[in-house]
Amino acid sequence: MANTSPAVRRTALLASAIALLGTLTACGGDGGGGTATTATRPSPAAPARTTAPTTGRSPAPADSTGTPGDTAGSASASARTDGRCHTSALRASVGRMDPGAGQRNFPVVLTNISSRTCTLYGYPGLAFTDAAGRQLGPDPERTAASPETVRLVPGASAWAALSFADPGISGARTADPATLLVTPPDERDPLKVTWTAGDVPVSGGGRSAVSVTVLSSGEGP
């Protein structure tokens, strides 16, 4: 092998290093700052999502346990039973006298003033009293009849006939009441109605008797 001077060998090694550096730069750089670019592999496409057909009806709401509730069958209508008309639900009044054949006849009217429907069945309790609250004469006699249930919606009325012979004809002992007490069937508390129709028979019995009929729908004959 030929002998080469140290200077020549250094020059040859330097040239080889420069050539190698240029080759590496050309292969790894992009000429825009030397940042390497990494190619990414596209992800596989997500499978198509299947949508249930629309029925036009919202899903049933879930109840507290997380189970869908059956809203179509959850509502049940219960039949309402009308209760008896209590005194507090009624107003009492006495209608105009209807005279006939020596008789004095008065419709005693009970009106439902509550906001609910209630019923009446049978006879009202009646009693004439003076200004001090003392009863005048015996309780009216009940006429023979077959009672029927009267259903009163709010504002509706039922009536019973209070009748007695004209005292001027019968000659009965009389009194001028201050009040007529009206007690609805099966109740204990009466309603007070101011009596303005004059004397009534208080001796009782025979032609002096006061009578009352069962309650019927309406406000009078």
N, C-alpha and C. Protein backbone atom coordinates (compact mmCIF):
# COMPACT_ATOMS: atom_id res chain seq x y z
N MET A 1 0.87 -1.18 0.00
CA MET A 1 0.00 0.00 0.00
C MET A 1 0.90 1.22 0.00
N ALA A 2 0.45 2.26 -0.80
CA ALA A 2 1.26 3.47 -0.90
C ALA A 2 1.12 4.26 0.37
N ASN A 3 2.19 4.87 0.75
CA ASN A 3 2.16 5.72 1.95
C ASN A 3 1.49 7.03 1.64
N THR A 4 0.58 7.44 2.54
CA THR A 4 -0.14 8.72 2.35
C THR A 4 0.19 9.60 3.52
N SER A 5 0.36 10.87 3.23
CA SER A 5 0.73 11.81 4.29
C SER A 5 -0.44 12.04 5.20
N PRO A 6 -0.20 12.38 6.45
CA PRO A 6 -1.31 12.64 7.41
C PRO A 6 -2.23 13.73 6.95
N ALA A 7 -1.73 14.75 6.31
CA ALA A 7 -2.60 15.87 5.88
C ALA A 7 -3.58 15.41 4.84
N VAL A 8 -3.08 14.53 3.92
CA VAL A 8 -3.99 14.06 2.85
C VAL A 8 -5.07 13.19 3.47
N ARG A 9 -4.71 12.31 4.47
CA ARG A 9 -5.72 11.46 5.07
C ARG A 9 -6.79 12.27 5.80
N ARG A 10 -6.38 13.30 6.51
CA ARG A 10 -7.37 14.13 7.23
C ARG A 10 -8.33 14.81 6.26
N THR A 11 -7.75 15.27 5.11
CA THR A 11 -8.61 15.94 4.11
C THR A 11 -9.62 14.96 3.56
N ALA A 12 -9.19 13.70 3.31
CA ALA A 12 -10.11 12.69 2.76
C ALA A 12 -11.20 12.34 3.74
N LEU A 13 -10.86 12.17 5.05
CA LEU A 13 -11.86 11.85 6.06
C LEU A 13 -12.87 12.98 6.23
N LEU A 14 -12.40 14.22 6.17
CA LEU A 14 -13.32 15.36 6.31
C LEU A 14 -14.30 15.42 5.17
N ALA A 15 -13.82 15.13 3.96
CA ALA A 15 -14.71 15.15 2.79
C ALA A 15 -15.76 14.07 2.90
N SER A 16 -15.33 12.86 3.37
CA SER A 16 -16.29 11.77 3.53
C SER A 16 -17.37 12.10 4.56
N ALA A 17 -16.99 12.75 5.68
CA ALA A 17 -17.97 13.11 6.73
C ALA A 17 -18.97 14.12 6.22
N ILE A 18 -18.48 15.10 5.44
CA ILE A 18 -19.40 16.12 4.88
C ILE A 18 -20.39 15.49 3.95
N ALA A 19 -19.88 14.55 3.09
CA ALA A 19 -20.80 13.89 2.14
C ALA A 19 -21.87 13.08 2.86
N LEU A 20 -21.46 12.35 3.95
CA LEU A 20 -22.41 11.55 4.71
C LEU A 20 -23.45 12.41 5.39
N LEU A 21 -23.05 13.55 5.96
CA LEU A 21 -24.01 14.46 6.62
C LEU A 21 -25.03 14.99 5.64
N GLY A 22 -24.58 15.31 4.43
CA GLY A 22 -25.54 15.80 3.43
C GLY A 22 -26.54 14.77 3.04
N THR A 23 -26.10 13.49 2.99
CA THR A 23 -27.04 12.41 2.64
C THR A 23 -28.10 12.23 3.71
N LEU A 24 -27.73 12.29 5.02
CA LEU A 24 -28.71 12.13 6.11
C LEU A 24 -29.71 13.26 6.15
N THR A 25 -29.23 14.50 5.88
CA THR A 25 -30.14 15.65 5.89
C THR A 25 -31.18 15.54 4.80
N ALA A 26 -30.78 15.08 3.62
CA ALA A 26 -31.72 14.96 2.50
C ALA A 26 -32.77 13.92 2.75
N CYS A 27 -32.42 12.84 3.48
CA CYS A 27 -33.38 11.76 3.72
C CYS A 27 -34.34 12.08 4.85
N GLY A 28 -33.95 12.79 5.95
CA GLY A 28 -34.79 12.96 7.13
C GLY A 28 -35.44 14.30 7.23
N GLY A 29 -35.08 15.32 6.49
CA GLY A 29 -35.68 16.65 6.64
C GLY A 29 -36.69 16.92 5.57
N ASP A 30 -37.58 17.96 5.85
CA ASP A 30 -38.59 18.37 4.86
C ASP A 30 -38.31 19.75 4.35
N GLY A 31 -37.16 20.33 4.75
CA GLY A 31 -36.79 21.65 4.27
C GLY A 31 -37.55 22.75 4.89
N GLY A 32 -38.42 22.45 5.89
CA GLY A 32 -39.24 23.49 6.49
C GLY A 32 -39.00 23.60 7.96
N GLY A 33 -37.82 23.40 8.44
CA GLY A 33 -37.51 23.55 9.85
C GLY A 33 -37.02 22.27 10.46
N GLY A 34 -37.00 21.17 9.71
CA GLY A 34 -36.42 19.94 10.20
C GLY A 34 -37.31 19.12 11.08
N THR A 35 -38.65 19.37 11.11
CA THR A 35 -39.55 18.58 11.94
C THR A 35 -39.96 17.34 11.19
N ALA A 36 -39.88 16.18 11.85
CA ALA A 36 -40.25 14.92 11.20
C ALA A 36 -41.75 14.82 11.09
N THR A 37 -42.27 14.30 9.98
CA THR A 37 -43.70 14.10 9.76
C THR A 37 -44.03 12.65 9.96
N THR A 38 -45.05 12.38 10.81
CA THR A 38 -45.45 11.01 11.11
C THR A 38 -46.77 10.71 10.41
N ALA A 39 -46.82 9.69 9.63
CA ALA A 39 -48.04 9.31 8.94
C ALA A 39 -48.94 8.53 9.90
N THR A 40 -50.20 8.89 9.97
CA THR A 40 -51.14 8.17 10.84
C THR A 40 -51.99 7.24 10.03
N ARG A 41 -52.28 6.10 10.61
CA ARG A 41 -53.12 5.10 9.94
C ARG A 41 -54.58 5.41 10.21
N PRO A 42 -55.40 5.50 9.20
CA PRO A 42 -56.82 5.81 9.44
C PRO A 42 -57.48 4.72 10.27
N SER A 43 -58.34 5.19 11.25
CA SER A 43 -59.07 4.24 12.11
C SER A 43 -60.15 3.56 11.31
N PRO A 44 -60.43 2.34 11.64
CA PRO A 44 -61.54 1.66 10.93
C PRO A 44 -62.86 2.38 11.17
N ALA A 45 -63.70 2.44 10.18
CA ALA A 45 -64.99 3.15 10.29
C ALA A 45 -65.88 2.48 11.34
N ALA A 46 -66.59 3.33 12.13
CA ALA A 46 -67.50 2.80 13.15
C ALA A 46 -68.67 2.13 12.49
N PRO A 47 -69.15 1.04 13.02
CA PRO A 47 -70.28 0.35 12.39
C PRO A 47 -71.51 1.24 12.37
N ALA A 48 -72.32 1.10 11.35
CA ALA A 48 -73.53 1.92 11.20
C ALA A 48 -74.48 1.63 12.33
N ARG A 49 -75.15 2.69 12.83
CA ARG A 49 -76.06 2.56 13.96
C ARG A 49 -77.47 2.30 13.45
N THR A 50 -78.11 1.29 14.01
CA THR A 50 -79.48 0.94 13.58
C THR A 50 -80.49 1.69 14.43
N THR A 51 -81.41 2.42 13.82
CA THR A 51 -82.43 3.20 14.51
C THR A 51 -83.77 2.49 14.44
N ALA A 52 -84.40 2.33 15.60
CA ALA A 52 -85.71 1.67 15.62
C ALA A 52 -86.73 2.53 14.91
N PRO A 53 -87.68 1.94 14.21
CA PRO A 53 -88.69 2.73 13.51
C PRO A 53 -89.53 3.54 14.47
N THR A 54 -89.88 4.75 14.07
CA THR A 54 -90.68 5.65 14.90
C THR A 54 -92.14 5.22 14.87
N THR A 55 -92.75 5.11 16.06
CA THR A 55 -94.14 4.70 16.13
C THR A 55 -95.08 5.86 16.34
N GLY A 56 -94.53 7.04 16.65
CA GLY A 56 -95.38 8.18 16.90
C GLY A 56 -95.87 8.27 18.32
N ARG A 57 -95.47 7.34 19.23
CA ARG A 57 -95.89 7.34 20.62
C ARG A 57 -94.67 7.42 21.52
N SER A 58 -94.71 8.29 22.49
CA SER A 58 -93.60 8.44 23.41
C SER A 58 -93.47 7.20 24.27
N PRO A 59 -92.26 6.86 24.68
CA PRO A 59 -92.11 5.71 25.56
C PRO A 59 -92.80 5.92 26.89
N ALA A 60 -93.26 4.84 27.47
CA ALA A 60 -93.93 4.93 28.77
C ALA A 60 -92.95 5.41 29.81
N PRO A 61 -93.34 6.32 30.68
CA PRO A 61 -92.43 6.80 31.72
C PRO A 61 -92.10 5.70 32.71
N ALA A 62 -90.91 5.79 33.26
CA ALA A 62 -90.51 4.80 34.25
C ALA A 62 -91.05 5.18 35.60
N ASP A 63 -91.39 4.16 36.37
CA ASP A 63 -91.82 4.46 37.73
C ASP A 63 -90.61 4.54 38.65
N SER A 64 -90.81 4.61 39.96
CA SER A 64 -89.70 4.85 40.88
C SER A 64 -88.72 3.69 40.94
N THR A 65 -89.11 2.52 40.45
CA THR A 65 -88.19 1.38 40.48
C THR A 65 -87.43 1.23 39.18
N GLY A 66 -87.71 2.12 38.22
CA GLY A 66 -87.03 2.07 36.94
C GLY A 66 -87.74 1.21 35.93
N THR A 67 -88.88 0.66 36.28
CA THR A 67 -89.65 -0.15 35.36
C THR A 67 -90.67 0.72 34.66
N PRO A 68 -90.78 0.62 33.33
CA PRO A 68 -91.77 1.46 32.64
C PRO A 68 -93.15 1.26 33.20
N GLY A 69 -93.85 2.38 33.41
CA GLY A 69 -95.20 2.30 33.97
C GLY A 69 -96.23 2.14 32.89
N ASP A 70 -97.31 1.45 33.20
CA ASP A 70 -98.40 1.25 32.27
C ASP A 70 -99.39 2.38 32.46
N THR A 71 -99.12 3.49 31.75
CA THR A 71 -99.95 4.67 31.97
C THR A 71 -101.37 4.47 31.46
N ALA A 72 -101.55 3.60 30.48
CA ALA A 72 -102.89 3.41 29.94
C ALA A 72 -103.81 2.74 30.94
N GLY A 73 -103.26 1.92 31.84
CA GLY A 73 -104.11 1.20 32.77
C GLY A 73 -103.97 1.65 34.20
N SER A 74 -103.20 2.74 34.43
CA SER A 74 -102.95 3.14 35.80
C SER A 74 -104.07 3.97 36.40
N ALA A 75 -104.86 4.66 35.57
CA ALA A 75 -105.94 5.51 36.07
C ALA A 75 -107.21 4.70 36.15
N SER A 76 -107.81 4.66 37.32
CA SER A 76 -109.07 3.94 37.49
C SER A 76 -110.09 4.87 38.10
N ALA A 77 -111.26 4.96 37.49
CA ALA A 77 -112.32 5.83 37.99
C ALA A 77 -113.14 5.08 39.02
N SER A 78 -113.28 5.67 40.19
CA SER A 78 -114.10 5.05 41.23
C SER A 78 -115.45 5.73 41.29
N ALA A 79 -116.49 4.93 41.40
CA ALA A 79 -117.83 5.48 41.45
C ALA A 79 -118.01 6.28 42.73
N ARG A 80 -118.56 7.46 42.57
CA ARG A 80 -118.75 8.33 43.73
C ARG A 80 -120.09 8.03 44.37
N THR A 81 -120.07 7.83 45.67
CA THR A 81 -121.30 7.59 46.41
C THR A 81 -121.70 8.88 47.11
N ASP A 82 -122.88 9.38 46.81
CA ASP A 82 -123.34 10.62 47.42
C ASP A 82 -123.71 10.36 48.87
N GLY A 83 -123.23 11.20 49.76
CA GLY A 83 -123.54 11.06 51.17
C GLY A 83 -124.82 11.79 51.54
N ARG A 84 -125.27 11.57 52.76
CA ARG A 84 -126.45 12.23 53.26
C ARG A 84 -126.20 13.73 53.37
N CYS A 85 -127.25 14.52 53.13
CA CYS A 85 -127.14 15.97 53.30
C CYS A 85 -127.13 16.30 54.78
N HIS A 86 -126.06 16.86 55.25
CA HIS A 86 -125.98 17.29 56.65
C HIS A 86 -126.56 18.69 56.80
N THR A 87 -126.90 19.03 58.02
CA THR A 87 -127.51 20.33 58.28
C THR A 87 -126.65 21.47 57.76
N SER A 88 -125.34 21.35 57.93
CA SER A 88 -124.44 22.43 57.52
C SER A 88 -124.42 22.65 56.01
N ALA A 89 -124.90 21.67 55.24
CA ALA A 89 -124.91 21.79 53.79
C ALA A 89 -126.23 22.34 53.24
N LEU A 90 -127.16 22.67 54.13
CA LEU A 90 -128.52 23.02 53.70
C LEU A 90 -128.96 24.40 54.19
N ARG A 91 -129.89 24.95 53.45
CA ARG A 91 -130.61 26.16 53.87
C ARG A 91 -132.09 25.85 53.87
N ALA A 92 -132.80 26.28 54.91
CA ALA A 92 -134.24 26.03 55.01
C ALA A 92 -135.02 27.31 54.74
N SER A 93 -136.17 27.14 54.14
CA SER A 93 -137.06 28.28 53.90
C SER A 93 -138.50 27.77 53.84
N VAL A 94 -139.45 28.69 53.99
CA VAL A 94 -140.87 28.36 53.89
C VAL A 94 -141.46 29.16 52.74
N GLY A 95 -142.08 28.45 51.81
CA GLY A 95 -142.66 29.11 50.65
C GLY A 95 -144.02 29.72 50.92
N ARG A 96 -144.60 30.26 49.86
CA ARG A 96 -145.90 30.92 49.97
C ARG A 96 -147.01 29.92 50.29
N MET A 97 -147.97 30.36 51.11
CA MET A 97 -149.09 29.50 51.48
C MET A 97 -149.94 29.18 50.26
N ASP A 98 -150.38 27.92 50.20
CA ASP A 98 -151.26 27.47 49.14
C ASP A 98 -152.57 27.02 49.79
N PRO A 99 -153.56 27.91 49.91
CA PRO A 99 -154.80 27.55 50.60
C PRO A 99 -155.67 26.63 49.75
N GLY A 100 -156.48 25.84 50.41
CA GLY A 100 -157.41 24.99 49.68
C GLY A 100 -158.28 24.19 50.62
N ALA A 101 -159.60 24.24 50.40
CA ALA A 101 -160.58 23.45 51.16
C ALA A 101 -160.42 23.63 52.66
N GLY A 102 -160.26 24.88 53.12
CA GLY A 102 -160.14 25.16 54.54
C GLY A 102 -158.79 24.77 55.11
N GLN A 103 -157.82 24.46 54.25
CA GLN A 103 -156.49 24.06 54.70
C GLN A 103 -155.47 25.17 54.42
N ARG A 104 -154.46 25.19 55.24
CA ARG A 104 -153.30 26.04 54.97
C ARG A 104 -152.11 25.12 54.70
N ASN A 105 -151.53 25.29 53.53
CA ASN A 105 -150.44 24.42 53.09
C ASN A 105 -149.20 25.26 52.76
N PHE A 106 -148.08 24.86 53.30
CA PHE A 106 -146.83 25.59 53.10
C PHE A 106 -145.73 24.63 52.63
N PRO A 107 -145.01 24.96 51.58
CA PRO A 107 -143.85 24.15 51.22
C PRO A 107 -142.65 24.52 52.10
N VAL A 108 -142.13 23.53 52.80
CA VAL A 108 -140.90 23.71 53.58
C VAL A 108 -139.76 23.21 52.69
N VAL A 109 -138.85 24.11 52.36
CA VAL A 109 -137.85 23.82 51.33
C VAL A 109 -136.46 23.70 51.95
N LEU A 110 -135.73 22.66 51.54
CA LEU A 110 -134.34 22.48 51.91
C LEU A 110 -133.49 22.59 50.63
N THR A 111 -132.52 23.49 50.64
CA THR A 111 -131.69 23.75 49.47
C THR A 111 -130.23 23.40 49.77
N ASN A 112 -129.61 22.70 48.85
CA ASN A 112 -128.20 22.33 49.00
C ASN A 112 -127.32 23.55 48.70
N ILE A 113 -126.67 24.07 49.74
CA ILE A 113 -125.80 25.24 49.56
C ILE A 113 -124.33 24.86 49.56
N SER A 114 -124.04 23.57 49.56
CA SER A 114 -122.65 23.11 49.56
C SER A 114 -122.15 22.95 48.12
N SER A 115 -120.90 22.56 47.99
CA SER A 115 -120.29 22.37 46.67
C SER A 115 -120.30 20.91 46.24
N ARG A 116 -120.97 20.03 46.99
CA ARG A 116 -121.01 18.62 46.64
C ARG A 116 -122.46 18.14 46.57
N THR A 117 -122.66 17.06 45.86
CA THR A 117 -123.98 16.46 45.76
C THR A 117 -124.27 15.63 47.01
N CYS A 118 -125.50 15.71 47.51
CA CYS A 118 -125.88 14.91 48.68
C CYS A 118 -127.33 14.46 48.52
N THR A 119 -127.80 13.65 49.46
CA THR A 119 -129.14 13.07 49.32
C THR A 119 -129.98 13.28 50.58
N LEU A 120 -131.28 13.31 50.37
CA LEU A 120 -132.26 13.38 51.46
C LEU A 120 -133.23 12.22 51.29
N TYR A 121 -133.66 11.67 52.43
CA TYR A 121 -134.60 10.55 52.37
C TYR A 121 -135.52 10.61 53.59
N GLY A 122 -136.81 10.73 53.31
CA GLY A 122 -137.78 10.67 54.40
C GLY A 122 -138.43 11.99 54.73
N TYR A 123 -138.71 12.18 56.01
CA TYR A 123 -139.43 13.36 56.50
C TYR A 123 -138.47 14.33 57.18
N PRO A 124 -138.72 15.61 57.03
CA PRO A 124 -137.98 16.56 57.87
C PRO A 124 -138.62 16.63 59.25
N GLY A 125 -137.82 16.94 60.25
CA GLY A 125 -138.38 17.20 61.58
C GLY A 125 -138.80 18.66 61.66
N LEU A 126 -140.03 18.93 62.16
CA LEU A 126 -140.55 20.30 62.25
C LEU A 126 -141.04 20.58 63.66
N ALA A 127 -140.85 21.82 64.09
CA ALA A 127 -141.35 22.23 65.40
C ALA A 127 -141.50 23.74 65.43
N PHE A 128 -142.66 24.22 65.89
CA PHE A 128 -142.86 25.66 66.09
C PHE A 128 -142.33 26.03 67.48
N THR A 129 -141.67 27.17 67.57
CA THR A 129 -141.16 27.64 68.87
C THR A 129 -141.49 29.12 69.05
N ASP A 130 -141.53 29.54 70.33
CA ASP A 130 -141.76 30.96 70.60
C ASP A 130 -140.42 31.69 70.62
N ALA A 131 -140.45 32.97 70.98
CA ALA A 131 -139.23 33.78 70.97
C ALA A 131 -138.18 33.27 71.95
N ALA A 132 -138.62 32.57 72.99
CA ALA A 132 -137.68 32.04 73.98
C ALA A 132 -137.16 30.66 73.60
N GLY A 133 -137.61 30.12 72.47
CA GLY A 133 -137.14 28.81 72.02
C GLY A 133 -137.96 27.65 72.53
N ARG A 134 -139.08 27.93 73.23
CA ARG A 134 -139.93 26.85 73.74
C ARG A 134 -140.85 26.35 72.63
N GLN A 135 -141.01 25.02 72.55
CA GLN A 135 -141.84 24.45 71.50
C GLN A 135 -143.31 24.72 71.77
N LEU A 136 -144.02 25.03 70.68
CA LEU A 136 -145.46 25.30 70.74
C LEU A 136 -146.21 24.15 70.08
N GLY A 137 -146.96 23.40 70.88
CA GLY A 137 -147.71 22.27 70.32
C GLY A 137 -146.83 21.06 70.06
N PRO A 138 -147.45 19.94 69.73
CA PRO A 138 -146.71 18.70 69.48
C PRO A 138 -146.04 18.72 68.11
N ASP A 139 -145.17 17.75 67.91
CA ASP A 139 -144.54 17.62 66.58
C ASP A 139 -145.61 17.31 65.53
N PRO A 140 -145.44 17.80 64.32
CA PRO A 140 -146.40 17.48 63.27
C PRO A 140 -146.51 15.98 63.01
N GLU A 141 -147.71 15.53 62.64
CA GLU A 141 -147.91 14.14 62.30
C GLU A 141 -147.41 13.87 60.87
N ARG A 142 -146.87 12.68 60.68
CA ARG A 142 -146.37 12.31 59.36
C ARG A 142 -147.47 11.64 58.54
N THR A 143 -147.67 12.12 57.33
CA THR A 143 -148.67 11.51 56.45
C THR A 143 -148.12 10.20 55.91
N ALA A 144 -149.00 9.24 55.67
CA ALA A 144 -148.57 7.95 55.14
C ALA A 144 -148.05 8.13 53.72
N ALA A 145 -146.83 7.62 53.46
CA ALA A 145 -146.23 7.74 52.13
C ALA A 145 -145.03 6.80 52.05
N SER A 146 -144.55 6.58 50.85
CA SER A 146 -143.34 5.77 50.62
C SER A 146 -142.20 6.71 50.24
N PRO A 147 -141.28 6.95 51.16
CA PRO A 147 -140.20 7.89 50.86
C PRO A 147 -139.32 7.40 49.71
N GLU A 148 -138.75 8.35 48.99
CA GLU A 148 -137.79 8.07 47.93
C GLU A 148 -136.56 8.97 48.14
N THR A 149 -135.42 8.47 47.76
CA THR A 149 -134.19 9.25 47.89
C THR A 149 -134.21 10.42 46.92
N VAL A 150 -133.96 11.60 47.46
CA VAL A 150 -133.89 12.81 46.64
C VAL A 150 -132.43 13.22 46.55
N ARG A 151 -131.92 13.26 45.34
CA ARG A 151 -130.51 13.61 45.11
C ARG A 151 -130.42 15.11 44.80
N LEU A 152 -129.62 15.80 45.59
CA LEU A 152 -129.50 17.24 45.44
C LEU A 152 -128.10 17.61 44.96
N VAL A 153 -128.00 18.07 43.74
CA VAL A 153 -126.74 18.65 43.28
C VAL A 153 -126.63 20.03 43.91
N PRO A 154 -125.46 20.64 43.91
CA PRO A 154 -125.34 21.98 44.49
C PRO A 154 -126.36 22.95 43.90
N GLY A 155 -127.11 23.61 44.80
CA GLY A 155 -128.13 24.57 44.38
C GLY A 155 -129.53 23.99 44.22
N ALA A 156 -129.65 22.67 44.23
CA ALA A 156 -130.96 22.05 44.05
C ALA A 156 -131.71 21.98 45.39
N SER A 157 -133.04 21.75 45.29
CA SER A 157 -133.89 21.79 46.49
C SER A 157 -134.82 20.59 46.56
N ALA A 158 -135.28 20.34 47.77
CA ALA A 158 -136.34 19.36 48.04
C ALA A 158 -137.34 20.03 48.96
N TRP A 159 -138.58 19.55 48.92
CA TRP A 159 -139.61 20.19 49.74
C TRP A 159 -140.55 19.16 50.35
N ALA A 160 -141.14 19.55 51.46
CA ALA A 160 -142.19 18.77 52.12
C ALA A 160 -143.34 19.72 52.44
N ALA A 161 -144.57 19.19 52.41
CA ALA A 161 -145.75 20.02 52.66
C ALA A 161 -146.08 20.05 54.15
N LEU A 162 -146.15 21.25 54.70
CA LEU A 162 -146.62 21.47 56.07
C LEU A 162 -148.07 21.95 55.97
N SER A 163 -148.98 21.21 56.59
CA SER A 163 -150.41 21.52 56.43
C SER A 163 -151.13 21.48 57.77
N PHE A 164 -152.15 22.32 57.87
CA PHE A 164 -153.07 22.28 59.02
C PHE A 164 -154.36 22.98 58.62
N ALA A 165 -155.43 22.65 59.36
CA ALA A 165 -156.73 23.26 59.09
C ALA A 165 -156.72 24.72 59.54
N ASP A 166 -157.41 25.55 58.80
CA ASP A 166 -157.51 26.96 59.16
C ASP A 166 -158.10 27.06 60.58
N PRO A 167 -157.33 27.64 61.53
CA PRO A 167 -157.85 27.71 62.91
C PRO A 167 -159.17 28.46 63.02
N GLY A 168 -159.41 29.38 62.10
CA GLY A 168 -160.69 30.10 62.14
C GLY A 168 -161.86 29.19 61.86
N ILE A 169 -161.62 28.10 61.17
CA ILE A 169 -162.67 27.14 60.85
C ILE A 169 -162.70 26.00 61.88
N SER A 170 -161.53 25.52 62.25
CA SER A 170 -161.47 24.38 63.16
C SER A 170 -161.74 24.76 64.60
N GLY A 171 -161.53 26.02 64.97
CA GLY A 171 -161.71 26.46 66.34
C GLY A 171 -160.60 25.97 67.26
N ALA A 172 -159.47 25.57 66.72
CA ALA A 172 -158.38 25.05 67.54
C ALA A 172 -157.70 26.16 68.32
N ARG A 173 -157.10 25.78 69.45
CA ARG A 173 -156.29 26.71 70.21
C ARG A 173 -155.04 27.01 69.40
N THR A 174 -154.67 28.27 69.40
CA THR A 174 -153.57 28.67 68.52
C THR A 174 -152.47 29.41 69.27
N ALA A 175 -151.37 29.60 68.56
CA ALA A 175 -150.26 30.43 69.04
C ALA A 175 -149.59 31.03 67.81
N ASP A 176 -148.89 32.12 68.05
CA ASP A 176 -148.19 32.79 66.95
C ASP A 176 -146.68 32.52 67.11
N PRO A 177 -146.16 31.54 66.39
CA PRO A 177 -144.75 31.17 66.58
C PRO A 177 -143.80 32.26 66.11
N ALA A 178 -142.61 32.25 66.69
CA ALA A 178 -141.54 33.13 66.21
C ALA A 178 -140.67 32.41 65.19
N THR A 179 -140.56 31.10 65.37
CA THR A 179 -139.62 30.33 64.55
C THR A 179 -140.19 28.96 64.21
N LEU A 180 -139.85 28.49 63.02
CA LEU A 180 -140.07 27.09 62.66
C LEU A 180 -138.71 26.43 62.60
N LEU A 181 -138.53 25.40 63.43
CA LEU A 181 -137.29 24.63 63.39
C LEU A 181 -137.44 23.51 62.38
N VAL A 182 -136.46 23.40 61.47
CA VAL A 182 -136.48 22.38 60.42
C VAL A 182 -135.22 21.53 60.57
N THR A 183 -135.42 20.24 60.85
CA THR A 183 -134.29 19.33 61.01
C THR A 183 -134.27 18.36 59.84
N PRO A 184 -133.18 18.34 59.04
CA PRO A 184 -133.10 17.40 57.91
C PRO A 184 -133.17 15.95 58.40
N PRO A 185 -133.63 15.03 57.56
CA PRO A 185 -133.71 13.62 57.96
C PRO A 185 -132.38 13.08 58.48
N ASP A 186 -132.45 12.35 59.58
CA ASP A 186 -131.29 11.69 60.20
C ASP A 186 -130.25 12.67 60.76
N GLU A 187 -130.62 13.92 60.90
CA GLU A 187 -129.73 14.91 61.51
C GLU A 187 -130.27 15.32 62.88
N ARG A 188 -129.42 15.91 63.69
CA ARG A 188 -129.81 16.37 65.02
C ARG A 188 -129.92 17.90 65.11
N ASP A 189 -129.13 18.59 64.33
CA ASP A 189 -129.10 20.05 64.42
C ASP A 189 -130.15 20.65 63.49
N PRO A 190 -131.03 21.50 64.03
CA PRO A 190 -132.08 22.09 63.20
C PRO A 190 -131.63 23.39 62.53
N LEU A 191 -132.39 23.78 61.53
CA LEU A 191 -132.25 25.08 60.88
C LEU A 191 -133.42 25.95 61.33
N LYS A 192 -133.15 27.21 61.58
CA LYS A 192 -134.19 28.11 62.07
C LYS A 192 -134.73 28.98 60.94
N VAL A 193 -136.05 28.99 60.82
CA VAL A 193 -136.71 29.82 59.82
C VAL A 193 -137.69 30.75 60.55
N THR A 194 -137.58 32.02 60.31
CA THR A 194 -138.51 32.98 60.93
C THR A 194 -139.92 32.73 60.40
N TRP A 195 -140.88 32.56 61.31
CA TRP A 195 -142.26 32.28 60.92
C TRP A 195 -143.03 33.59 60.84
N THR A 196 -143.61 33.86 59.68
CA THR A 196 -144.34 35.13 59.47
C THR A 196 -145.77 34.90 58.98
N ALA A 197 -146.25 33.64 59.06
CA ALA A 197 -147.56 33.31 58.50
C ALA A 197 -148.69 33.33 59.52
N GLY A 198 -148.45 33.85 60.72
CA GLY A 198 -149.53 34.00 61.69
C GLY A 198 -149.75 32.79 62.56
N ASP A 199 -150.97 32.74 63.13
CA ASP A 199 -151.31 31.72 64.11
C ASP A 199 -151.32 30.31 63.50
N VAL A 200 -150.96 29.36 64.37
CA VAL A 200 -151.00 27.94 63.99
C VAL A 200 -151.68 27.19 65.13
N PRO A 201 -152.33 26.05 64.82
CA PRO A 201 -152.96 25.28 65.89
C PRO A 201 -151.91 24.58 66.74
N VAL A 202 -152.12 24.61 68.06
CA VAL A 202 -151.13 24.00 68.96
C VAL A 202 -151.76 22.99 69.93
N SER A 203 -153.07 22.79 69.81
CA SER A 203 -153.71 21.85 70.73
C SER A 203 -153.50 20.41 70.33
N GLY A 204 -153.27 20.16 69.06
CA GLY A 204 -152.98 18.81 68.57
C GLY A 204 -154.20 17.93 68.50
N GLY A 205 -154.11 16.88 67.65
CA GLY A 205 -155.18 15.90 67.54
C GLY A 205 -156.34 16.38 66.68
N GLY A 206 -157.00 15.45 65.99
CA GLY A 206 -158.19 15.76 65.20
C GLY A 206 -157.95 16.82 64.16
N ARG A 207 -158.92 17.76 64.10
CA ARG A 207 -158.83 18.83 63.10
C ARG A 207 -157.77 19.86 63.44
N SER A 208 -157.21 19.77 64.64
CA SER A 208 -156.18 20.72 65.04
C SER A 208 -154.76 20.21 64.74
N ALA A 209 -154.66 19.03 64.18
CA ALA A 209 -153.34 18.44 63.94
C ALA A 209 -152.61 19.15 62.81
N VAL A 210 -151.30 19.24 62.98
CA VAL A 210 -150.41 19.75 61.92
C VAL A 210 -149.73 18.53 61.31
N SER A 211 -149.65 18.48 59.98
CA SER A 211 -149.06 17.32 59.32
C SER A 211 -147.90 17.73 58.41
N VAL A 212 -147.05 16.74 58.09
CA VAL A 212 -145.92 16.96 57.18
C VAL A 212 -145.78 15.75 56.27
N THR A 213 -145.41 15.99 55.03
CA THR A 213 -145.24 14.91 54.06
C THR A 213 -143.75 14.57 53.91
N VAL A 214 -143.47 13.51 53.14
CA VAL A 214 -142.07 13.16 52.84
C VAL A 214 -141.50 14.21 51.89
N LEU A 215 -140.20 14.23 51.84
CA LEU A 215 -139.50 15.18 50.96
C LEU A 215 -139.56 14.70 49.51
N SER A 216 -139.79 15.66 48.63
CA SER A 216 -139.80 15.41 47.19
C SER A 216 -138.89 16.42 46.50
N SER A 217 -138.50 16.10 45.29
CA SER A 217 -137.62 16.99 44.54
C SER A 217 -138.34 18.26 44.14
N GLY A 218 -137.65 19.39 44.21
CA GLY A 218 -138.22 20.67 43.79
C GLY A 218 -138.44 21.61 44.94
N GLU A 219 -139.20 22.68 44.67
CA GLU A 219 -139.46 23.72 45.67
C GLU A 219 -140.92 23.88 46.03
N GLY A 220 -141.74 22.98 45.54
CA GLY A 220 -143.16 23.06 45.89
C GLY A 220 -144.02 22.53 44.76
N PRO A 221 -145.34 22.49 44.99
CA PRO A 221 -146.27 21.95 43.99
C PRO A 221 -146.39 22.87 42.79
